[in-house]
């Protein structure tokens, strides 16, 4: 799972955001089994631009960084869980029946059953 945001978050805050994606996985039935392979990476595009003159390695430089106050992270946590759940459901619904090696078949979900279970 890749979680991207334009909110100005620090690395420790982004770790916390990534943890909330697990809640979205859990909503659709994932429980982090031994072989699940669930990996989550989160990043922010905020604070990405430094003036070109500050990139000279011969000059020490500093940059101001904005951050969201921790007390205001809850809506981002909720949005992360919601978006993760939605992405998984979208992928499951869009999947088509596939045949792999040695005739192994993965069937598409019957959408009428999916709709009924989501009600």
PDB file of N, CA and C in Angstrom:
ATOM      1  N   UNK A   1       0.867  -1.159   0.000  1.00  0.00           N
ATOM      2  CA  UNK A   1       0.000   0.000   0.000  1.00  0.00           C
ATOM      3  C   UNK A   1       0.921   1.231   0.000  1.00  0.00           C
ATOM      4  N   UNK A   2       0.605   2.192  -0.814  1.00  0.00           N
ATOM      5  CA  UNK A   2       1.324   3.466  -0.856  1.00  0.00           C
ATOM      6  C   UNK A   2       0.337   4.542  -0.424  1.00  0.00           C
ATOM      7  N   UNK A   3       0.707   5.303   0.592  1.00  0.00           N
ATOM      8  CA  UNK A   3      -0.138   6.390   1.091  1.00  0.00           C
ATOM      9  C   UNK A   3       0.606   7.698   0.827  1.00  0.00           C
ATOM     10  N   UNK A   4       0.014   8.543  -0.006  1.00  0.00           N
ATOM     11  CA  UNK A   4       0.619   9.830  -0.342  1.00  0.00           C
ATOM     12  C   UNK A   4      -0.288  10.950   0.158  1.00  0.00           C
ATOM     13  N   UNK A   5       0.326  12.018   0.622  1.00  0.00           N
ATOM     14  CA  UNK A   5      -0.438  13.172   1.080  1.00  0.00           C
ATOM     15  C   UNK A   5       0.317  14.446   0.746  1.00  0.00           C
ATOM     16  N   UNK A   6      -0.427  15.529   0.657  1.00  0.00           N
ATOM     17  CA  UNK A   6       0.226  16.828   0.515  1.00  0.00           C
ATOM     18  C   UNK A   6       0.202  17.570   1.848  1.00  0.00           C
ATOM     19  N   UNK A   7      -0.242  16.909   2.898  1.00  0.00           N
ATOM     20  CA  UNK A   7      -0.217  17.518   4.232  1.00  0.00           C
ATOM     21  C   UNK A   7       1.230  17.600   4.705  1.00  0.00           C
ATOM     22  N   UNK A   8       1.582  18.666   5.374  1.00  0.00           N
ATOM     23  CA  UNK A   8       2.963  18.807   5.856  1.00  0.00           C
ATOM     24  C   UNK A   8       3.194  17.940   7.097  1.00  0.00           C
ATOM     25  N   UNK A   9       3.674  16.727   6.874  1.00  0.00           N
ATOM     26  CA  UNK A   9       3.887  15.784   7.965  1.00  0.00           C
ATOM     27  C   UNK A   9       5.357  15.424   8.096  1.00  0.00           C
ATOM     28  N   UNK A  10       5.776  15.219   9.328  1.00  0.00           N
ATOM     29  CA  UNK A  10       7.135  14.782   9.619  1.00  0.00           C
ATOM     30  C   UNK A  10       7.211  13.259   9.536  1.00  0.00           C
ATOM     31  N   UNK A  11       8.414  12.695   9.454  1.00  0.00           N
ATOM     32  CA  UNK A  11       8.541  11.240   9.323  1.00  0.00           C
ATOM     33  C   UNK A  11       7.805  10.435  10.394  1.00  0.00           C
ATOM     34  N   UNK A  12       7.863  10.846  11.636  1.00  0.00           N
ATOM     35  CA  UNK A  12       7.159  10.099  12.686  1.00  0.00           C
ATOM     36  C   UNK A  12       5.646  10.168  12.481  1.00  0.00           C
ATOM     37  N   UNK A  13       5.150  11.289  12.003  1.00  0.00           N
ATOM     38  CA  UNK A  13       3.723  11.406  11.718  1.00  0.00           C
ATOM     39  C   UNK A  13       3.337  10.510  10.535  1.00  0.00           C
ATOM     40  N   UNK A  14       4.204  10.446   9.539  1.00  0.00           N
ATOM     41  CA  UNK A  14       3.936   9.589   8.389  1.00  0.00           C
ATOM     42  C   UNK A  14       3.933   8.115   8.780  1.00  0.00           C
ATOM     43  N   UNK A  15       4.758   7.734   9.747  1.00  0.00           N
ATOM     44  CA  UNK A  15       4.712   6.366  10.271  1.00  0.00           C
ATOM     45  C   UNK A  15       3.338   6.081  10.869  1.00  0.00           C
ATOM     46  N   UNK A  16       2.812   7.029  11.611  1.00  0.00           N
ATOM     47  CA  UNK A  16       1.492   6.866  12.226  1.00  0.00           C
ATOM     48  C   UNK A  16       0.397   6.787  11.163  1.00  0.00           C
ATOM     49  N   UNK A  17       0.521   7.579  10.107  1.00  0.00           N
ATOM     50  CA  UNK A  17      -0.444   7.521   9.006  1.00  0.00           C
ATOM     51  C   UNK A  17      -0.398   6.137   8.357  1.00  0.00           C
ATOM     52  N   UNK A  18       0.795   5.617   8.103  1.00  0.00           N
ATOM     53  CA  UNK A  18       0.929   4.296   7.487  1.00  0.00           C
ATOM     54  C   UNK A  18       0.261   3.223   8.340  1.00  0.00           C
ATOM     55  N   UNK A  19       0.358   3.346   9.641  1.00  0.00           N
ATOM     56  CA  UNK A  19      -0.276   2.372  10.528  1.00  0.00           C
ATOM     57  C   UNK A  19      -1.792   2.370  10.355  1.00  0.00           C
ATOM     58  N   UNK A  20      -2.366   3.492  10.002  1.00  0.00           N
ATOM     59  CA  UNK A  20      -3.828   3.577   9.833  1.00  0.00           C
ATOM     60  C   UNK A  20      -4.303   2.889   8.563  1.00  0.00           C
ATOM     61  N   UNK A  21      -3.426   2.693   7.591  1.00  0.00           N
ATOM     62  CA  UNK A  21      -3.816   1.942   6.394  1.00  0.00           C
ATOM     63  C   UNK A  21      -4.177   0.508   6.762  1.00  0.00           C
ATOM     64  N   UNK A  22      -3.557  -0.007   7.805  1.00  0.00           N
ATOM     65  CA  UNK A  22      -3.876  -1.362   8.273  1.00  0.00           C
ATOM     66  C   UNK A  22      -5.351  -1.463   8.654  1.00  0.00           C
ATOM     67  N   UNK A  23      -5.901  -0.385   9.179  1.00  0.00           N
ATOM     68  CA  UNK A  23      -7.325  -0.399   9.542  1.00  0.00           C
ATOM     69  C   UNK A  23      -8.200  -0.566   8.300  1.00  0.00           C
ATOM     70  N   UNK A  24      -7.821   0.054   7.210  1.00  0.00           N
ATOM     71  CA  UNK A  24      -8.556  -0.115   5.965  1.00  0.00           C
ATOM     72  C   UNK A  24      -8.456  -1.540   5.448  1.00  0.00           C
ATOM     73  N   UNK A  25      -7.278  -2.152   5.590  1.00  0.00           N
ATOM     74  CA  UNK A  25      -7.104  -3.549   5.199  1.00  0.00           C
ATOM     75  C   UNK A  25      -7.994  -4.438   6.066  1.00  0.00           C
ATOM     76  N   UNK A  26      -8.030  -4.153   7.355  1.00  0.00           N
ATOM     77  CA  UNK A  26      -8.847  -4.949   8.276  1.00  0.00           C
ATOM     78  C   UNK A  26     -10.336  -4.833   7.955  1.00  0.00           C
ATOM     79  N   UNK A  27     -10.772  -3.663   7.524  1.00  0.00           N
ATOM     80  CA  UNK A  27     -12.193  -3.470   7.205  1.00  0.00           C
ATOM     81  C   UNK A  27     -12.690  -4.415   6.121  1.00  0.00           C
ATOM     82  N   UNK A  28     -11.782  -4.826   5.233  1.00  0.00           N
ATOM     83  CA  UNK A  28     -12.192  -5.736   4.157  1.00  0.00           C
ATOM     84  C   UNK A  28     -11.775  -7.175   4.435  1.00  0.00           C
ATOM     85  N   UNK A  29     -11.368  -7.445   5.664  1.00  0.00           N
ATOM     86  CA  UNK A  29     -11.112  -8.826   6.074  1.00  0.00           C
ATOM     87  C   UNK A  29      -9.676  -9.229   6.271  1.00  0.00           C
ATOM     88  N   UNK A  30      -8.724  -8.383   5.962  1.00  0.00           N
ATOM     89  CA  UNK A  30      -7.321  -8.729   6.177  1.00  0.00           C
ATOM     90  C   UNK A  30      -6.958  -8.629   7.648  1.00  0.00           C
ATOM     91  N   UNK A  31      -6.225  -9.615   8.127  1.00  0.00           N
ATOM     92  CA  UNK A  31      -5.830  -9.588   9.542  1.00  0.00           C
ATOM     93  C   UNK A  31      -4.318  -9.731   9.715  1.00  0.00           C
ATOM     94  N   UNK A  32      -3.565  -9.524   8.653  1.00  0.00           N
ATOM     95  CA  UNK A  32      -2.113  -9.563   8.758  1.00  0.00           C
ATOM     96  C   UNK A  32      -1.564 -10.958   8.965  1.00  0.00           C
ATOM     97  N   UNK A  33      -2.097 -11.920   8.238  1.00  0.00           N
ATOM     98  CA  UNK A  33      -1.617 -13.290   8.341  1.00  0.00           C
ATOM     99  C   UNK A  33      -0.116 -13.360   8.070  1.00  0.00           C
ATOM    100  N   UNK A  34       0.471 -14.468   8.464  1.00  0.00           N
ATOM    101  CA  UNK A  34       1.911 -14.670   8.306  1.00  0.00           C
ATOM    102  C   UNK A  34       2.370 -14.423   6.863  1.00  0.00           C
ATOM    103  N   UNK A  35       1.591 -14.878   5.903  1.00  0.00           N
ATOM    104  CA  UNK A  35       1.999 -14.764   4.501  1.00  0.00           C
ATOM    105  C   UNK A  35       1.321 -13.605   3.772  1.00  0.00           C
ATOM    106  N   UNK A  36       0.771 -12.649   4.515  1.00  0.00           N
ATOM    107  CA  UNK A  36      -0.001 -11.583   3.867  1.00  0.00           C
ATOM    108  C   UNK A  36       0.844 -10.686   2.975  1.00  0.00           C
ATOM    109  N   UNK A  37       2.046 -10.395   3.376  1.00  0.00           N
ATOM    110  CA  UNK A  37       2.901  -9.512   2.591  1.00  0.00           C
ATOM    111  C   UNK A  37       2.470  -8.056   2.632  1.00  0.00           C
ATOM    112  N   UNK A  38       1.659  -7.687   3.620  1.00  0.00           N
ATOM    113  CA  UNK A  38       1.192  -6.304   3.724  1.00  0.00           C
ATOM    114  C   UNK A  38       2.355  -5.383   4.086  1.00  0.00           C
ATOM    115  N   UNK A  39       2.671  -4.488   3.174  1.00  0.00           N
ATOM    116  CA  UNK A  39       3.696  -3.473   3.404  1.00  0.00           C
ATOM    117  C   UNK A  39       3.081  -2.118   3.096  1.00  0.00           C
ATOM    118  N   UNK A  40       3.406  -1.128   3.896  1.00  0.00           N
ATOM    119  CA  UNK A  40       2.823   0.194   3.704  1.00  0.00           C
ATOM    120  C   UNK A  40       3.936   1.236   3.730  1.00  0.00           C
ATOM    121  N   UNK A  41       3.928   2.087   2.722  1.00  0.00           N
ATOM    122  CA  UNK A  41       4.864   3.201   2.615  1.00  0.00           C
ATOM    123  C   UNK A  41       4.046   4.478   2.569  1.00  0.00           C
ATOM    124  N   UNK A  42       4.427   5.452   3.366  1.00  0.00           N
ATOM    125  CA  UNK A  42       3.723   6.740   3.312  1.00  0.00           C
ATOM    126  C   UNK A  42       4.740   7.852   3.067  1.00  0.00           C
ATOM    127  N   UNK A  43       4.288   8.859   2.333  1.00  0.00           N
ATOM    128  CA  UNK A  43       5.147  10.012   2.086  1.00  0.00           C
ATOM    129  C   UNK A  43       4.302  11.258   1.904  1.00  0.00           C
ATOM    130  N   UNK A  44       4.955  12.388   2.075  1.00  0.00           N
ATOM    131  CA  UNK A  44       4.308  13.681   1.897  1.00  0.00           C
ATOM    132  C   UNK A  44       5.038  14.458   0.817  1.00  0.00           C
ATOM    133  N   UNK A  45       4.266  15.163   0.005  1.00  0.00           N
ATOM    134  CA  UNK A  45       4.867  16.009  -1.015  1.00  0.00           C
ATOM    135  C   UNK A  45       5.075  17.434  -0.511  1.00  0.00           C
ATOM    136  N   UNK A  46       4.634  17.712   0.718  1.00  0.00           N
ATOM    137  CA  UNK A  46       4.836  19.047   1.294  1.00  0.00           C
ATOM    138  C   UNK A  46       6.316  19.221   1.639  1.00  0.00           C
ATOM    139  N   UNK A  47       6.724  20.427   1.773  1.00  0.00           N
ATOM    140  CA  UNK A  47       8.110  20.755   2.137  1.00  0.00           C
ATOM    141  C   UNK A  47       9.129  20.214   1.143  1.00  0.00           C
ATOM    142  N   UNK A  48       8.716  19.970  -0.082  1.00  0.00           N
ATOM    143  CA  UNK A  48       9.602  19.335  -1.055  1.00  0.00           C
ATOM    144  C   UNK A  48      10.498  20.315  -1.796  1.00  0.00           C
ATOM    145  N   UNK A  49      10.162  21.579  -1.785  1.00  0.00           N
ATOM    146  CA  UNK A  49      10.940  22.492  -2.613  1.00  0.00           C
ATOM    147  C   UNK A  49      11.924  23.302  -1.777  1.00  0.00           C
ATOM    148  N   UNK A  50      13.170  23.225  -2.180  1.00  0.00           N
ATOM    149  CA  UNK A  50      14.222  24.066  -1.606  1.00  0.00           C
ATOM    150  C   UNK A  50      14.724  24.977  -2.720  1.00  0.00           C
ATOM    151  N   UNK A  51      15.033  26.202  -2.395  1.00  0.00           N
ATOM    152  CA  UNK A  51      15.609  27.068  -3.428  1.00  0.00           C
ATOM    153  C   UNK A  51      16.901  26.461  -3.972  1.00  0.00           C
ATOM    154  N   UNK A  52      17.123  26.576  -5.271  1.00  0.00           N
ATOM    155  CA  UNK A  52      18.290  25.972  -5.913  1.00  0.00           C
ATOM    156  C   UNK A  52      19.596  26.445  -5.278  1.00  0.00           C
ATOM    157  N   UNK A  53      19.656  27.684  -4.811  1.00  0.00           N
ATOM    158  CA  UNK A  53      20.914  28.176  -4.226  1.00  0.00           C
ATOM    159  C   UNK A  53      21.264  27.452  -2.931  1.00  0.00           C
ATOM    160  N   UNK A  54      20.291  26.798  -2.305  1.00  0.00           N
ATOM    161  CA  UNK A  54      20.566  26.077  -1.063  1.00  0.00           C
ATOM    162  C   UNK A  54      21.114  24.676  -1.310  1.00  0.00           C
ATOM    163  N   UNK A  55      21.247  24.282  -2.555  1.00  0.00           N
ATOM    164  CA  UNK A  55      21.719  22.937  -2.856  1.00  0.00           C
ATOM    165  C   UNK A  55      23.223  22.863  -3.066  1.00  0.00           C
ATOM    166  N   UNK A  56      23.918  23.965  -2.916  1.00  0.00           N
ATOM    167  CA  UNK A  56      25.368  23.998  -3.054  1.00  0.00           C
ATOM    168  C   UNK A  56      25.999  23.290  -1.853  1.00  0.00           C
ATOM    169  N   UNK A  57      26.704  22.156  -2.066  1.00  0.00           N
ATOM    170  CA  UNK A  57      27.256  21.395  -0.936  1.00  0.00           C
ATOM    171  C   UNK A  57      28.352  22.132  -0.178  1.00  0.00           C
ATOM    172  N   UNK A  58      28.915  23.173  -0.765  1.00  0.00           N
ATOM    173  CA  UNK A  58      29.977  23.928  -0.101  1.00  0.00           C
ATOM    174  C   UNK A  58      29.431  24.899   0.937  1.00  0.00           C
ATOM    175  N   UNK A  59      28.163  25.207   0.860  1.00  0.00           N
ATOM    176  CA  UNK A  59      27.569  26.181   1.775  1.00  0.00           C
ATOM    177  C   UNK A  59      26.665  25.455   2.774  1.00  0.00           C
ATOM    178  N   UNK A  60      26.861  25.689   4.047  1.00  0.00           N
ATOM    179  CA  UNK A  60      25.882  25.127   4.985  1.00  0.00           C
ATOM    180  C   UNK A  60      24.549  25.846   4.779  1.00  0.00           C
ATOM    181  N   UNK A  61      23.493  25.152   4.939  1.00  0.00           N
ATOM    182  CA  UNK A  61      22.194  25.775   4.769  1.00  0.00           C
ATOM    183  C   UNK A  61      21.203  25.125   5.724  1.00  0.00           C
ATOM    184  N   UNK A  62      20.146  25.800   5.900  1.00  0.00           N
ATOM    185  CA  UNK A  62      19.033  25.257   6.677  1.00  0.00           C
ATOM    186  C   UNK A  62      17.751  25.611   5.940  1.00  0.00           C
ATOM    187  N   UNK A  63      16.701  24.930   6.289  1.00  0.00           N
ATOM    188  CA  UNK A  63      15.416  25.190   5.650  1.00  0.00           C
ATOM    189  C   UNK A  63      14.330  25.117   6.707  1.00  0.00           C
ATOM    190  N   UNK A  64      13.343  25.952   6.554  1.00  0.00           N
ATOM    191  CA  UNK A  64      12.195  25.883   7.451  1.00  0.00           C
ATOM    192  C   UNK A  64      11.267  24.784   6.966  1.00  0.00           C
ATOM    193  N   UNK A  65      10.723  24.050   7.903  1.00  0.00           N
ATOM    194  CA  UNK A  65       9.821  22.953   7.585  1.00  0.00           C
ATOM    195  C   UNK A  65       8.504  23.188   8.302  1.00  0.00           C
ATOM    196  N   UNK A  66       7.419  23.039   7.557  1.00  0.00           N
ATOM    197  CA  UNK A  66       6.096  23.134   8.166  1.00  0.00           C
ATOM    198  C   UNK A  66       5.669  21.752   8.613  1.00  0.00           C
ATOM    199  N   UNK A  67       4.876  21.698   9.665  1.00  0.00           N
ATOM    200  CA  UNK A  67       4.309  20.427  10.099  1.00  0.00           C
ATOM    201  C   UNK A  67       2.916  20.657  10.633  1.00  0.00           C
ATOM    202  N   UNK A  68       2.082  19.655  10.462  1.00  0.00           N
ATOM    203  CA  UNK A  68       0.749  19.690  11.029  1.00  0.00           C
ATOM    204  C   UNK A  68       0.859  19.331  12.505  1.00  0.00           C
ATOM    205  N   UNK A  69       0.146  20.032  13.355  1.00  0.00           N
ATOM    206  CA  UNK A  69       0.143  19.740  14.781  1.00  0.00           C
ATOM    207  C   UNK A  69      -0.523  18.379  14.994  1.00  0.00           C
ATOM    208  N   UNK A  70       0.048  17.550  15.881  1.00  0.00           N
ATOM    209  CA  UNK A  70      -0.466  16.199  16.102  1.00  0.00           C
ATOM    210  C   UNK A  70      -1.955  16.163  16.432  1.00  0.00           C
ATOM    211  N   UNK A  71      -2.448  17.152  17.139  1.00  0.00           N
ATOM    212  CA  UNK A  71      -3.863  17.175  17.520  1.00  0.00           C
ATOM    213  C   UNK A  71      -4.793  17.225  16.305  1.00  0.00           C
ATOM    214  N   UNK A  72      -4.251  17.543  15.132  1.00  0.00           N
ATOM    215  CA  UNK A  72      -5.060  17.657  13.919  1.00  0.00           C
ATOM    216  C   UNK A  72      -4.850  16.480  12.952  1.00  0.00           C
ATOM    217  N   UNK A  73      -4.264  15.388  13.428  1.00  0.00           N
ATOM    218  CA  UNK A  73      -3.993  14.245  12.558  1.00  0.00           C
ATOM    219  C   UNK A  73      -5.179  13.302  12.385  1.00  0.00           C
ATOM    220  N   UNK A  74      -6.137  13.330  13.300  1.00  0.00           N
ATOM    221  CA  UNK A  74      -7.238  12.361  13.243  1.00  0.00           C
ATOM    222  C   UNK A  74      -7.962  12.327  11.894  1.00  0.00           C
ATOM    223  N   UNK A  75      -8.292  13.470  11.290  1.00  0.00           N
ATOM    224  CA  UNK A  75      -8.948  13.395   9.969  1.00  0.00           C
ATOM    225  C   UNK A  75      -8.070  12.723   8.905  1.00  0.00           C
ATOM    226  N   UNK A  76      -6.768  12.893   8.997  1.00  0.00           N
ATOM    227  CA  UNK A  76      -5.867  12.232   8.045  1.00  0.00           C
ATOM    228  C   UNK A  76      -5.845  10.732   8.304  1.00  0.00           C
ATOM    229  N   UNK A  77      -5.852  10.338   9.567  1.00  0.00           N
ATOM    230  CA  UNK A  77      -5.914   8.916   9.908  1.00  0.00           C
ATOM    231  C   UNK A  77      -7.190   8.290   9.337  1.00  0.00           C
ATOM    232  N   UNK A  78      -8.317   8.954   9.548  1.00  0.00           N
ATOM    233  CA  UNK A  78      -9.596   8.440   9.074  1.00  0.00           C
ATOM    234  C   UNK A  78      -9.608   8.350   7.549  1.00  0.00           C
ATOM    235  N   UNK A  79      -9.110   9.381   6.888  1.00  0.00           N
ATOM    236  CA  UNK A  79      -9.068   9.385   5.423  1.00  0.00           C
ATOM    237  C   UNK A  79      -8.168   8.272   4.895  1.00  0.00           C
ATOM    238  N   UNK A  80      -7.088   7.994   5.597  1.00  0.00           N
ATOM    239  CA  UNK A  80      -6.173   6.922   5.180  1.00  0.00           C
ATOM    240  C   UNK A  80      -6.869   5.570   5.243  1.00  0.00           C
ATOM    241  N   UNK A  81      -7.565   5.298   6.338  1.00  0.00           N
ATOM    242  CA  UNK A  81      -8.299   4.029   6.461  1.00  0.00           C
ATOM    243  C   UNK A  81      -9.384   3.936   5.392  1.00  0.00           C
ATOM    244  N   UNK A  82     -10.119   5.020   5.178  1.00  0.00           N
ATOM    245  CA  UNK A  82     -11.184   5.034   4.168  1.00  0.00           C
ATOM    246  C   UNK A  82     -10.628   4.794   2.767  1.00  0.00           C
ATOM    247  N   UNK A  83      -9.557   5.495   2.423  1.00  0.00           N
ATOM    248  CA  UNK A  83      -8.981   5.377   1.080  1.00  0.00           C
ATOM    249  C   UNK A  83      -8.402   3.985   0.849  1.00  0.00           C
ATOM    250  N   UNK A  84      -7.810   3.402   1.874  1.00  0.00           N
ATOM    251  CA  UNK A  84      -7.259   2.051   1.752  1.00  0.00           C
ATOM    252  C   UNK A  84      -8.375   1.046   1.498  1.00  0.00           C
ATOM    253  N   UNK A  85      -9.431   1.134   2.295  1.00  0.00           N
ATOM    254  CA  UNK A  85     -10.579   0.246   2.109  1.00  0.00           C
ATOM    255  C   UNK A  85     -11.144   0.396   0.699  1.00  0.00           C
ATOM    256  N   UNK A  86     -11.333   1.618   0.265  1.00  0.00           N
ATOM    257  CA  UNK A  86     -11.906   1.880  -1.059  1.00  0.00           C
ATOM    258  C   UNK A  86     -11.009   1.341  -2.168  1.00  0.00           C
ATOM    259  N   UNK A  87      -9.697   1.509  -2.034  1.00  0.00           N
ATOM    260  CA  UNK A  87      -8.772   1.017  -3.062  1.00  0.00           C
ATOM    261  C   UNK A  87      -8.831  -0.504  -3.177  1.00  0.00           C
ATOM    262  N   UNK A  88      -8.931  -1.185  -2.057  1.00  0.00           N
ATOM    263  CA  UNK A  88      -9.006  -2.649  -2.080  1.00  0.00           C
ATOM    264  C   UNK A  88     -10.316  -3.098  -2.720  1.00  0.00           C
ATOM    265  N   UNK A  89     -11.418  -2.479  -2.311  1.00  0.00           N
ATOM    266  CA  UNK A  89     -12.712  -2.840  -2.896  1.00  0.00           C
ATOM    267  C   UNK A  89     -12.736  -2.564  -4.399  1.00  0.00           C
ATOM    268  N   UNK A  90     -12.185  -1.411  -4.814  1.00  0.00           N
ATOM    269  CA  UNK A  90     -12.125  -1.088  -6.244  1.00  0.00           C
ATOM    270  C   UNK A  90     -11.342  -2.148  -7.016  1.00  0.00           C
ATOM    271  N   UNK A  91     -10.205  -2.567  -6.462  1.00  0.00           N
ATOM    272  CA  UNK A  91      -9.380  -3.570  -7.139  1.00  0.00           C
ATOM    273  C   UNK A  91     -10.101  -4.908  -7.220  1.00  0.00           C
ATOM    274  N   UNK A  92     -10.794  -5.273  -6.157  1.00  0.00           N
ATOM    275  CA  UNK A  92     -11.522  -6.550  -6.152  1.00  0.00           C
ATOM    276  C   UNK A  92     -12.669  -6.539  -7.152  1.00  0.00           C
ATOM    277  N   UNK A  93     -13.362  -5.425  -7.236  1.00  0.00           N
ATOM    278  CA  UNK A  93     -14.507  -5.326  -8.142  1.00  0.00           C
ATOM    279  C   UNK A  93     -14.061  -5.257  -9.604  1.00  0.00           C
ATOM    280  N   UNK A  94     -12.934  -4.625  -9.857  1.00  0.00           N
ATOM    281  CA  UNK A  94     -12.446  -4.479 -11.223  1.00  0.00           C
ATOM    282  C   UNK A  94     -11.731  -5.730 -11.736  1.00  0.00           C
ATOM    283  N   UNK A  95     -11.369  -6.636 -10.837  1.00  0.00           N
ATOM    284  CA  UNK A  95     -10.606  -7.822 -11.236  1.00  0.00           C
ATOM    285  C   UNK A  95     -11.417  -8.710 -12.181  1.00  0.00           C
ATOM    286  N   UNK A  96     -10.727  -9.281 -13.140  1.00  0.00           N
ATOM    287  CA  UNK A  96     -11.345 -10.204 -14.087  1.00  0.00           C
ATOM    288  C   UNK A  96     -10.806 -11.604 -13.844  1.00  0.00           C
ATOM    289  N   UNK A  97     -11.546 -12.604 -14.284  1.00  0.00           N
ATOM    290  CA  UNK A  97     -11.083 -13.983 -14.177  1.00  0.00           C
ATOM    291  C   UNK A  97      -9.776 -14.133 -14.953  1.00  0.00           C
ATOM    292  N   UNK A  98      -8.816 -14.819 -14.335  1.00  0.00           N
ATOM    293  CA  UNK A  98      -7.504 -15.012 -14.955  1.00  0.00           C
ATOM    294  C   UNK A  98      -7.120 -16.479 -14.879  1.00  0.00           C
ATOM    295  N   UNK A  99      -6.385 -16.924 -15.870  1.00  0.00           N
ATOM    296  CA  UNK A  99      -5.834 -18.280 -15.872  1.00  0.00           C
ATOM    297  C   UNK A  99      -4.325 -18.143 -15.872  1.00  0.00           C
ATOM    298  N   UNK A 100      -3.686 -18.841 -14.929  1.00  0.00           N
ATOM    299  CA  UNK A 100      -2.242 -18.766 -14.787  1.00  0.00           C
ATOM    300  C   UNK A 100      -1.549 -20.054 -15.162  1.00  0.00           C
ATOM    301  N   UNK A 101      -0.380 -20.235 -14.611  1.00  0.00           N
ATOM    302  CA  UNK A 101       0.456 -21.392 -14.909  1.00  0.00           C
ATOM    303  C   UNK A 101      -0.276 -22.687 -14.535  1.00  0.00           C
ATOM    304  N   UNK A 102      -0.078 -23.681 -15.351  1.00  0.00           N
ATOM    305  CA  UNK A 102      -0.699 -25.003 -15.164  1.00  0.00           C
ATOM    306  C   UNK A 102      -2.217 -24.930 -15.059  1.00  0.00           C
ATOM    307  N   UNK A 103      -2.826 -23.945 -15.694  1.00  0.00           N
ATOM    308  CA  UNK A 103      -4.277 -23.834 -15.721  1.00  0.00           C
ATOM    309  C   UNK A 103      -4.910 -23.337 -14.431  1.00  0.00           C
ATOM    310  N   UNK A 104      -4.093 -22.852 -13.495  1.00  0.00           N
ATOM    311  CA  UNK A 104      -4.647 -22.321 -12.242  1.00  0.00           C
ATOM    312  C   UNK A 104      -5.542 -21.137 -12.577  1.00  0.00           C
ATOM    313  N   UNK A 105      -6.754 -21.151 -12.027  1.00  0.00           N
ATOM    314  CA  UNK A 105      -7.744 -20.125 -12.365  1.00  0.00           C
ATOM    315  C   UNK A 105      -8.108 -19.308 -11.135  1.00  0.00           C
ATOM    316  N   UNK A 106      -8.114 -18.000 -11.297  1.00  0.00           N
ATOM    317  CA  UNK A 106      -8.590 -17.083 -10.261  1.00  0.00           C
ATOM    318  C   UNK A 106      -9.844 -16.439 -10.817  1.00  0.00           C
ATOM    319  N   UNK A 107     -10.958 -16.696 -10.164  1.00  0.00           N
ATOM    320  CA  UNK A 107     -12.244 -16.222 -10.672  1.00  0.00           C
ATOM    321  C   UNK A 107     -12.519 -14.787 -10.247  1.00  0.00           C
ATOM    322  N   UNK A 108     -13.154 -14.046 -11.137  1.00  0.00           N
ATOM    323  CA  UNK A 108     -13.618 -12.698 -10.791  1.00  0.00           C
ATOM    324  C   UNK A 108     -14.724 -12.819  -9.754  1.00  0.00           C
ATOM    325  N   UNK A 109     -14.856 -11.811  -8.937  1.00  0.00           N
ATOM    326  CA  UNK A 109     -15.922 -11.817  -7.941  1.00  0.00           C
ATOM    327  C   UNK A 109     -17.275 -11.650  -8.614  1.00  0.00           C
ATOM    328  N   UNK A 110     -18.264 -12.396  -8.165  1.00  0.00           N
ATOM    329  CA  UNK A 110     -19.618 -12.174  -8.685  1.00  0.00           C
ATOM    330  C   UNK A 110     -20.164 -10.866  -8.077  1.00  0.00           C
ATOM    331  N   UNK A 111     -20.318  -9.850  -8.900  1.00  0.00           N
ATOM    332  CA  UNK A 111     -20.637  -8.518  -8.390  1.00  0.00           C
ATOM    333  C   UNK A 111     -21.973  -8.453  -7.660  1.00  0.00           C
ATOM    334  N   UNK A 112     -22.942  -9.277  -8.030  1.00  0.00           N
ATOM    335  CA  UNK A 112     -24.211  -9.273  -7.320  1.00  0.00           C
ATOM    336  C   UNK A 112     -24.032  -9.734  -5.869  1.00  0.00           C
ATOM    337  N   UNK A 113     -23.157 -10.695  -5.638  1.00  0.00           N
ATOM    338  CA  UNK A 113     -22.873 -11.178  -4.283  1.00  0.00           C
ATOM    339  C   UNK A 113     -22.122 -10.090  -3.503  1.00  0.00           C
ATOM    340  N   UNK A 114     -21.188  -9.436  -4.154  1.00  0.00           N
ATOM    341  CA  UNK A 114     -20.419  -8.368  -3.498  1.00  0.00           C
ATOM    342  C   UNK A 114     -21.359  -7.239  -3.081  1.00  0.00           C
ATOM    343  N   UNK A 115     -22.206  -6.817  -3.993  1.00  0.00           N
ATOM    344  CA  UNK A 115     -23.159  -5.739  -3.678  1.00  0.00           C
ATOM    345  C   UNK A 115     -24.037  -6.110  -2.479  1.00  0.00           C
ATOM    346  N   UNK A 116     -24.534  -7.336  -2.480  1.00  0.00           N
ATOM    347  CA  UNK A 116     -25.407  -7.775  -1.392  1.00  0.00           C
ATOM    348  C   UNK A 116     -24.654  -7.805  -0.060  1.00  0.00           C
ATOM    349  N   UNK A 117     -23.409  -8.239  -0.077  1.00  0.00           N
ATOM    350  CA  UNK A 117     -22.660  -8.321   1.181  1.00  0.00           C
ATOM    351  C   UNK A 117     -22.270  -6.947   1.705  1.00  0.00           C
ATOM    352  N   UNK A 118     -22.132  -5.960   0.824  1.00  0.00           N
ATOM    353  CA  UNK A 118     -21.766  -4.612   1.259  1.00  0.00           C
ATOM    354  C   UNK A 118     -22.961  -3.822   1.799  1.00  0.00           C
ATOM    355  N   UNK A 119     -24.148  -4.307   1.519  1.00  0.00           N
ATOM    356  CA  UNK A 119     -25.338  -3.641   2.042  1.00  0.00           C
ATOM    357  C   UNK A 119     -25.437  -3.907   3.498  1.00  0.00           C
TER     358      UNK A 119
END
